Amino acid sequence: AQPHTHKLVICGNHELGARFYFQQNTPCYTYLQDSGVTIDGVKFWGSPWTPEFNDWAFGKPRGEMADVWAA
């Protein structure tokens, strides 16, 4: 583990099973999925979604991307 006070985790298109592991936030990291957090006055937003490609994780049809990122 790294000695940093705050660790943010945002999954991406290769993390097929990671979201289930990271959804259980612990004091050592914060998982962001279509959500945000403010740390020391700085706002962070995390969204793993990418345009659909094969059967990769967090893929959505391009027509749905605007709705996902509008949150």
PDB file of N, CA and C in Angstrom:
ATOM      1  N   ALA A   1       0.840  -1.192   0.000  1.00  0.00           N
ATOM      2  CA  ALA A   1       0.000   0.000   0.000  1.00  0.00           C
ATOM      3  C   ALA A   1       0.879   1.248   0.000  1.00  0.00           C
ATOM      4  N   GLN A   2       0.423   2.232  -0.720  1.00  0.00           N
ATOM      5  CA  GLN A   2       1.148   3.498  -0.771  1.00  0.00           C
ATOM      6  C   GLN A   2       0.790   4.344   0.457  1.00  0.00           C
ATOM      7  N   PRO A   3       1.677   5.198   0.905  1.00  0.00           N
ATOM      8  CA  PRO A   3       1.457   5.972   2.121  1.00  0.00           C
ATOM      9  C   PRO A   3       0.604   7.226   1.925  1.00  0.00           C
ATOM     10  N   HIS A   4      -0.071   7.364   0.786  1.00  0.00           N
ATOM     11  CA  HIS A   4      -0.859   8.569   0.524  1.00  0.00           C
ATOM     12  C   HIS A   4      -2.101   8.617   1.411  1.00  0.00           C
ATOM     13  N   THR A   5      -2.486   9.820   1.808  1.00  0.00           N
ATOM     14  CA  THR A   5      -3.658   9.987   2.657  1.00  0.00           C
ATOM     15  C   THR A   5      -4.930   9.599   1.920  1.00  0.00           C
ATOM     16  N   HIS A   6      -5.027   9.955   0.649  1.00  0.00           N
ATOM     17  CA  HIS A   6      -6.224   9.672  -0.149  1.00  0.00           C
ATOM     18  C   HIS A   6      -5.831   8.905  -1.404  1.00  0.00           C
ATOM     19  N   LYS A   7      -6.607   7.874  -1.714  1.00  0.00           N
ATOM     20  CA  LYS A   7      -6.406   7.101  -2.937  1.00  0.00           C
ATOM     21  C   LYS A   7      -7.753   6.997  -3.637  1.00  0.00           C
ATOM     22  N   LEU A   8      -7.802   7.390  -4.898  1.00  0.00           N
ATOM     23  CA  LEU A   8      -9.028   7.321  -5.677  1.00  0.00           C
ATOM     24  C   LEU A   8      -8.899   6.190  -6.693  1.00  0.00           C
ATOM     25  N   VAL A   9      -9.967   5.423  -6.851  1.00  0.00           N
ATOM     26  CA  VAL A   9      -9.986   4.325  -7.812  1.00  0.00           C
ATOM     27  C   VAL A   9     -11.123   4.569  -8.790  1.00  0.00           C
ATOM     28  N   ILE A  10     -10.798   4.540 -10.083  1.00  0.00           N
ATOM     29  CA  ILE A  10     -11.793   4.649 -11.146  1.00  0.00           C
ATOM     30  C   ILE A  10     -11.489   3.512 -12.120  1.00  0.00           C
ATOM     31  N   CYS A  11     -12.417   2.600 -12.275  1.00  0.00           N
ATOM     32  CA  CYS A  11     -12.209   1.483 -13.190  1.00  0.00           C
ATOM     33  C   CYS A  11     -12.295   1.961 -14.631  1.00  0.00           C
ATOM     34  N   GLY A  12     -11.901   1.100 -15.541  1.00  0.00           N
ATOM     35  CA  GLY A  12     -11.961   1.409 -16.955  1.00  0.00           C
ATOM     36  C   GLY A  12     -12.381   0.195 -17.750  1.00  0.00           C
ATOM     37  N   ASN A  13     -12.157   0.250 -19.048  1.00  0.00           N
ATOM     38  CA  ASN A  13     -12.682  -0.790 -19.924  1.00  0.00           C
ATOM     39  C   ASN A  13     -11.984  -2.146 -19.788  1.00  0.00           C
ATOM     40  N   HIS A  14     -10.911  -2.242 -19.050  1.00  0.00           N
ATOM     41  CA  HIS A  14     -10.235  -3.526 -18.860  1.00  0.00           C
ATOM     42  C   HIS A  14     -10.552  -4.169 -17.506  1.00  0.00           C
ATOM     43  N   GLU A  15     -11.209  -3.460 -16.632  1.00  0.00           N
ATOM     44  CA  GLU A  15     -11.472  -3.972 -15.279  1.00  0.00           C
ATOM     45  C   GLU A  15     -12.782  -4.747 -15.231  1.00  0.00           C
ATOM     46  N   LEU A  16     -12.787  -5.940 -15.781  1.00  0.00           N
ATOM     47  CA  LEU A  16     -14.011  -6.735 -15.863  1.00  0.00           C
ATOM     48  C   LEU A  16     -14.574  -7.090 -14.489  1.00  0.00           C
ATOM     49  N   GLY A  17     -13.764  -7.459 -13.533  1.00  0.00           N
ATOM     50  CA  GLY A  17     -14.265  -7.855 -12.228  1.00  0.00           C
ATOM     51  C   GLY A  17     -13.912  -6.900 -11.112  1.00  0.00           C
ATOM     52  N   ALA A  18     -13.132  -5.901 -11.414  1.00  0.00           N
ATOM     53  CA  ALA A  18     -12.622  -5.011 -10.360  1.00  0.00           C
ATOM     54  C   ALA A  18     -13.709  -4.200  -9.679  1.00  0.00           C
ATOM     55  N   ARG A  19     -14.752  -3.834 -10.411  1.00  0.00           N
ATOM     56  CA  ARG A  19     -15.769  -2.965  -9.812  1.00  0.00           C
ATOM     57  C   ARG A  19     -16.384  -3.598  -8.575  1.00  0.00           C
ATOM     58  N   PHE A  20     -16.579  -4.916  -8.580  1.00  0.00           N
ATOM     59  CA  PHE A  20     -17.187  -5.579  -7.434  1.00  0.00           C
ATOM     60  C   PHE A  20     -16.253  -5.569  -6.224  1.00  0.00           C
ATOM     61  N   TYR A  21     -14.971  -5.646  -6.492  1.00  0.00           N
ATOM     62  CA  TYR A  21     -13.984  -5.569  -5.419  1.00  0.00           C
ATOM     63  C   TYR A  21     -13.930  -4.160  -4.842  1.00  0.00           C
ATOM     64  N   PHE A  22     -13.872  -3.165  -5.717  1.00  0.00           N
ATOM     65  CA  PHE A  22     -13.686  -1.786  -5.257  1.00  0.00           C
ATOM     66  C   PHE A  22     -14.964  -1.116  -4.766  1.00  0.00           C
ATOM     67  N   GLN A  23     -16.140  -1.668  -5.073  1.00  0.00           N
ATOM     68  CA  GLN A  23     -17.372  -1.051  -4.596  1.00  0.00           C
ATOM     69  C   GLN A  23     -17.480  -1.109  -3.077  1.00  0.00           C
ATOM     70  N   GLN A  24     -16.684  -1.912  -2.468  1.00  0.00           N
ATOM     71  CA  GLN A  24     -16.664  -1.990  -1.011  1.00  0.00           C
ATOM     72  C   GLN A  24     -15.602  -1.018  -0.503  1.00  0.00           C
ATOM     73  N   ASN A  25     -15.973   0.263  -0.426  1.00  0.00           N
ATOM     74  CA  ASN A  25     -15.010   1.283  -0.001  1.00  0.00           C
ATOM     75  C   ASN A  25     -14.438   0.951   1.376  1.00  0.00           C
ATOM     76  N   THR A  26     -13.172   1.181   1.507  1.00  0.00           N
ATOM     77  CA  THR A  26     -12.502   1.011   2.787  1.00  0.00           C
ATOM     78  C   THR A  26     -11.807   2.330   3.099  1.00  0.00           C
ATOM     79  N   PRO A  27     -11.325   2.499   4.297  1.00  0.00           N
ATOM     80  CA  PRO A  27     -10.635   3.749   4.627  1.00  0.00           C
ATOM     81  C   PRO A  27      -9.396   4.013   3.777  1.00  0.00           C
ATOM     82  N   CYS A  28      -8.853   2.984   3.104  1.00  0.00           N
ATOM     83  CA  CYS A  28      -7.611   3.196   2.363  1.00  0.00           C
ATOM     84  C   CYS A  28      -7.841   3.678   0.929  1.00  0.00           C
ATOM     85  N   TYR A  29      -9.070   3.656   0.412  1.00  0.00           N
ATOM     86  CA  TYR A  29      -9.328   4.200  -0.921  1.00  0.00           C
ATOM     87  C   TYR A  29     -10.799   4.574  -1.076  1.00  0.00           C
ATOM     88  N   THR A  30     -11.088   5.379  -2.095  1.00  0.00           N
ATOM     89  CA  THR A  30     -12.455   5.765  -2.441  1.00  0.00           C
ATOM     90  C   THR A  30     -12.698   5.363  -3.889  1.00  0.00           C
ATOM     91  N   TYR A  31     -13.735   4.575  -4.122  1.00  0.00           N
ATOM     92  CA  TYR A  31     -14.086   4.130  -5.463  1.00  0.00           C
ATOM     93  C   TYR A  31     -15.096   5.102  -6.057  1.00  0.00           C
ATOM     94  N   LEU A  32     -14.811   5.599  -7.252  1.00  0.00           N
ATOM     95  CA  LEU A  32     -15.720   6.523  -7.927  1.00  0.00           C
ATOM     96  C   LEU A  32     -16.283   5.870  -9.189  1.00  0.00           C
ATOM     97  N   GLN A  33     -17.598   5.773  -9.241  1.00  0.00           N
ATOM     98  CA  GLN A  33     -18.287   5.306 -10.447  1.00  0.00           C
ATOM     99  C   GLN A  33     -19.501   6.204 -10.625  1.00  0.00           C
ATOM    100  N   ASP A  34     -19.387   7.127 -11.573  1.00  0.00           N
ATOM    101  CA  ASP A  34     -20.436   8.123 -11.793  1.00  0.00           C
ATOM    102  C   ASP A  34     -20.711   8.881 -10.498  1.00  0.00           C
ATOM    103  N   SER A  35     -19.660   9.191  -9.810  1.00  0.00           N
ATOM    104  CA  SER A  35     -19.782   9.901  -8.537  1.00  0.00           C
ATOM    105  C   SER A  35     -18.546  10.765  -8.323  1.00  0.00           C
ATOM    106  N   GLY A  36     -18.648  11.614  -7.321  1.00  0.00           N
ATOM    107  CA  GLY A  36     -17.542  12.511  -7.047  1.00  0.00           C
ATOM    108  C   GLY A  36     -17.232  12.595  -5.570  1.00  0.00           C
ATOM    109  N   VAL A  37     -16.130  13.251  -5.297  1.00  0.00           N
ATOM    110  CA  VAL A  37     -15.701  13.455  -3.923  1.00  0.00           C
ATOM    111  C   VAL A  37     -14.891  14.759  -3.891  1.00  0.00           C
ATOM    112  N   THR A  38     -14.970  15.463  -2.781  1.00  0.00           N
ATOM    113  CA  THR A  38     -14.171  16.668  -2.592  1.00  0.00           C
ATOM    114  C   THR A  38     -13.142  16.379  -1.510  1.00  0.00           C
ATOM    115  N   ILE A  39     -11.890  16.600  -1.852  1.00  0.00           N
ATOM    116  CA  ILE A  39     -10.793  16.367  -0.910  1.00  0.00           C
ATOM    117  C   ILE A  39      -9.985  17.647  -0.805  1.00  0.00           C
ATOM    118  N   ASP A  40      -9.894  18.175   0.386  1.00  0.00           N
ATOM    119  CA  ASP A  40      -9.139  19.408   0.633  1.00  0.00           C
ATOM    120  C   ASP A  40      -9.547  20.523  -0.322  1.00  0.00           C
ATOM    121  N   GLY A  41     -10.844  20.628  -0.597  1.00  0.00           N
ATOM    122  CA  GLY A  41     -11.367  21.695  -1.444  1.00  0.00           C
ATOM    123  C   GLY A  41     -11.254  21.444  -2.941  1.00  0.00           C
ATOM    124  N   VAL A  42     -10.715  20.303  -3.343  1.00  0.00           N
ATOM    125  CA  VAL A  42     -10.578  19.965  -4.765  1.00  0.00           C
ATOM    126  C   VAL A  42     -11.610  18.890  -5.104  1.00  0.00           C
ATOM    127  N   LYS A  43     -12.394  19.128  -6.180  1.00  0.00           N
ATOM    128  CA  LYS A  43     -13.435  18.185  -6.584  1.00  0.00           C
ATOM    129  C   LYS A  43     -12.880  17.196  -7.607  1.00  0.00           C
ATOM    130  N   PHE A  44     -13.205  15.917  -7.397  1.00  0.00           N
ATOM    131  CA  PHE A  44     -12.822  14.846  -8.305  1.00  0.00           C
ATOM    132  C   PHE A  44     -14.091  14.125  -8.746  1.00  0.00           C
ATOM    133  N   TRP A  45     -14.150  13.741 -10.022  1.00  0.00           N
ATOM    134  CA  TRP A  45     -15.290  13.006 -10.561  1.00  0.00           C
ATOM    135  C   TRP A  45     -14.754  11.781 -11.291  1.00  0.00           C
ATOM    136  N   GLY A  46     -15.399  10.646 -11.101  1.00  0.00           N
ATOM    137  CA  GLY A  46     -14.951   9.439 -11.763  1.00  0.00           C
ATOM    138  C   GLY A  46     -16.071   8.765 -12.526  1.00  0.00           C
ATOM    139  N   SER A  47     -15.812   8.442 -13.785  1.00  0.00           N
ATOM    140  CA  SER A  47     -16.772   7.737 -14.619  1.00  0.00           C
ATOM    141  C   SER A  47     -16.004   6.772 -15.523  1.00  0.00           C
ATOM    142  N   PRO A  48     -16.269   5.480 -15.412  1.00  0.00           N
ATOM    143  CA  PRO A  48     -15.494   4.495 -16.159  1.00  0.00           C
ATOM    144  C   PRO A  48     -15.976   4.252 -17.594  1.00  0.00           C
ATOM    145  N   TRP A  49     -17.117   4.811 -17.966  1.00  0.00           N
ATOM    146  CA  TRP A  49     -17.771   4.435 -19.220  1.00  0.00           C
ATOM    147  C   TRP A  49     -17.006   4.879 -20.452  1.00  0.00           C
ATOM    148  N   THR A  50     -16.974   3.972 -21.427  1.00  0.00           N
ATOM    149  CA  THR A  50     -16.352   4.238 -22.717  1.00  0.00           C
ATOM    150  C   THR A  50     -17.312   3.775 -23.805  1.00  0.00           C
ATOM    151  N   PRO A  51     -17.124   4.258 -25.035  1.00  0.00           N
ATOM    152  CA  PRO A  51     -17.968   3.746 -26.116  1.00  0.00           C
ATOM    153  C   PRO A  51     -17.794   2.229 -26.252  1.00  0.00           C
ATOM    154  N   GLU A  52     -18.875   1.562 -26.524  1.00  0.00           N
ATOM    155  CA  GLU A  52     -18.923   0.109 -26.619  1.00  0.00           C
ATOM    156  C   GLU A  52     -17.859  -0.435 -27.575  1.00  0.00           C
ATOM    157  N   PHE A  53     -17.151  -1.470 -27.118  1.00  0.00           N
ATOM    158  CA  PHE A  53     -16.141  -2.121 -27.949  1.00  0.00           C
ATOM    159  C   PHE A  53     -16.067  -3.583 -27.545  1.00  0.00           C
ATOM    160  N   ASN A  54     -16.392  -4.463 -28.468  1.00  0.00           N
ATOM    161  CA  ASN A  54     -16.420  -5.899 -28.196  1.00  0.00           C
ATOM    162  C   ASN A  54     -17.224  -6.178 -26.933  1.00  0.00           C
ATOM    163  N   ASP A  55     -16.664  -6.946 -26.013  1.00  0.00           N
ATOM    164  CA  ASP A  55     -17.384  -7.281 -24.782  1.00  0.00           C
ATOM    165  C   ASP A  55     -16.621  -6.766 -23.568  1.00  0.00           C
ATOM    166  N   TRP A  56     -15.985  -5.612 -23.722  1.00  0.00           N
ATOM    167  CA  TRP A  56     -15.169  -5.064 -22.645  1.00  0.00           C
ATOM    168  C   TRP A  56     -16.047  -4.472 -21.543  1.00  0.00           C
ATOM    169  N   ALA A  57     -15.450  -4.239 -20.406  1.00  0.00           N
ATOM    170  CA  ALA A  57     -16.177  -3.683 -19.261  1.00  0.00           C
ATOM    171  C   ALA A  57     -16.532  -2.214 -19.489  1.00  0.00           C
ATOM    172  N   PHE A  58     -17.613  -1.788 -18.887  1.00  0.00           N
ATOM    173  CA  PHE A  58     -18.055  -0.395 -18.882  1.00  0.00           C
ATOM    174  C   PHE A  58     -18.225   0.193 -20.281  1.00  0.00           C
ATOM    175  N   GLY A  59     -18.771  -0.587 -21.185  1.00  0.00           N
ATOM    176  CA  GLY A  59     -19.027  -0.092 -22.530  1.00  0.00           C
ATOM    177  C   GLY A  59     -20.495   0.190 -22.735  1.00  0.00           C
ATOM    178  N   LYS A  60     -20.798   1.297 -23.385  1.00  0.00           N
ATOM    179  CA  LYS A  60     -22.180   1.678 -23.698  1.00  0.00           C
ATOM    180  C   LYS A  60     -22.231   2.098 -25.158  1.00  0.00           C
ATOM    181  N   PRO A  61     -23.386   1.918 -25.810  1.00  0.00           N
ATOM    182  CA  PRO A  61     -23.521   2.420 -27.175  1.00  0.00           C
ATOM    183  C   PRO A  61     -23.276   3.933 -27.207  1.00  0.00           C
ATOM    184  N   ARG A  62     -22.667   4.403 -28.277  1.00  0.00           N
ATOM    185  CA  ARG A  62     -22.331   5.829 -28.376  1.00  0.00           C
ATOM    186  C   ARG A  62     -23.538   6.732 -28.136  1.00  0.00           C
ATOM    187  N   GLY A  63     -24.708   6.321 -28.534  1.00  0.00           N
ATOM    188  CA  GLY A  63     -25.904   7.135 -28.346  1.00  0.00           C
ATOM    189  C   GLY A  63     -26.292   7.331 -26.886  1.00  0.00           C
ATOM    190  N   GLU A  64     -25.776   6.501 -25.999  1.00  0.00           N
ATOM    191  CA  GLU A  64     -26.093   6.600 -24.562  1.00  0.00           C
ATOM    192  C   GLU A  64     -25.002   7.312 -23.769  1.00  0.00           C
ATOM    193  N   MET A  65     -23.895   7.626 -24.390  1.00  0.00           N
ATOM    194  CA  MET A  65     -22.767   8.214 -23.649  1.00  0.00           C
ATOM    195  C   MET A  65     -23.110   9.586 -23.068  1.00  0.00           C
ATOM    196  N   ALA A  66     -23.837  10.413 -23.795  1.00  0.00           N
ATOM    197  CA  ALA A  66     -24.177  11.748 -23.285  1.00  0.00           C
ATOM    198  C   ALA A  66     -24.983  11.649 -22.000  1.00  0.00           C
ATOM    199  N   ASP A  67     -25.905  10.688 -21.939  1.00  0.00           N
ATOM    200  CA  ASP A  67     -26.713  10.514 -20.724  1.00  0.00           C
ATOM    201  C   ASP A  67     -25.852  10.071 -19.545  1.00  0.00           C
ATOM    202  N   VAL A  68     -24.905   9.200 -19.799  1.00  0.00           N
ATOM    203  CA  VAL A  68     -24.042   8.704 -18.729  1.00  0.00           C
ATOM    204  C   VAL A  68     -23.162   9.824 -18.184  1.00  0.00           C
ATOM    205  N   TRP A  69     -22.553  10.590 -19.091  1.00  0.00           N
ATOM    206  CA  TRP A  69     -21.639  11.632 -18.647  1.00  0.00           C
ATOM    207  C   TRP A  69     -22.342  12.905 -18.176  1.00  0.00           C
ATOM    208  N   ALA A  70     -23.641  13.027 -18.398  1.00  0.00           N
ATOM    209  CA  ALA A  70     -24.382  14.223 -17.961  1.00  0.00           C
ATOM    210  C   ALA A  70     -24.567  14.238 -16.451  1.00  0.00           C
ATOM    211  N   ALA A  71     -24.470  13.082 -15.822  1.00  0.00           N
ATOM    212  CA  ALA A  71     -24.649  13.000 -14.368  1.00  0.00           C
ATOM    213  C   ALA A  71     -23.596  13.819 -13.710  1.00  0.00           C
TER     214      ALA A  71
END
